[in-house]
Every structure is written in structure tokens, then in C-alpha cells.
């Protein structure tokens, strides 16, 4: 098995706010990220697929297929958006980078599972800042570690 990781970039803004909490509780939990005006990030998303090397191509996965999947499922959907208002997936959900990472994984998993080849989505890593990044490998991987 060989892993392939490819890196992409997009920009988006969000406000960390939970309608179920009071203004004081939102302020305490989310701090400056609860600003009513929101704030933005230049995200870096790394997508890792894993599988055997195809003897006819010498590759784990056709990079064109991976690029197409990320373009349509991630970049077209999230780039230059205000996640709270522009992305239906975050209606009623706090658009933390953790939730965004899981959302990206689920979108790509659906798309890549139907792609040709035997490579499988292994994980998504989402970098919010040079100090903060999040990884998600799917619900099954989370259950296996318990």
C-alpha cells in the first residue's frame, strides 16, 4: 500500500457562534472568533488516498481524478464563502475547522468511492493557521481506536 497526499488551498470566513448559547456563553467559549462580523482564514487542505500501485500506470490514483474531486467538492463549494450563510451544510452547525474537516472528508469520500481504481480516501488534514490543524480519517477509524 502506498499513500498519496496532495495539498490544495482555499479561503473562507466564518463566525463561531451557537444559537443555543447565550451571548455571554458564546463569548466565553469562542472568544474573538465569535465576532458578529466573522473572520477569515486561508485554509490548506491535504487529501491523502491509500492503495496499491496500479501496475499499468505506476500510480496509486489518477491525479486528474483527485484534482477534479477536490475542485468540485471542496474548492468550488467553500472557496471565498462565508461558511455560516453561504454553505447549506453549516445551517444550524457551528462551522469550526473541526466540523469543516469532517464535512470535507465526507464529501470527498462519497465522490472518491465512486471513482475508478482501488485507492481509498485515508484522511483529510485541514490547516487553519500555521499553529492549528485538524485531521479526520472517518468514523470507522475513530471507532477502531477505542
Foldseek 3Di string as FASTA:
>chain_A
DDKDKDKDKAKEWEAQDAPVDDPVVSCVVVPPSNPPVTDMFTKMKMWMKDDDQDPVPRHQDDVVLVVVQCVVQPHVQGHYYHCDPRHPVCPNHGPDVQVVQVSSQVSSQVSVVPDDHDIHTQKMKMDGDPVDIDMDGDPVVVVVVD
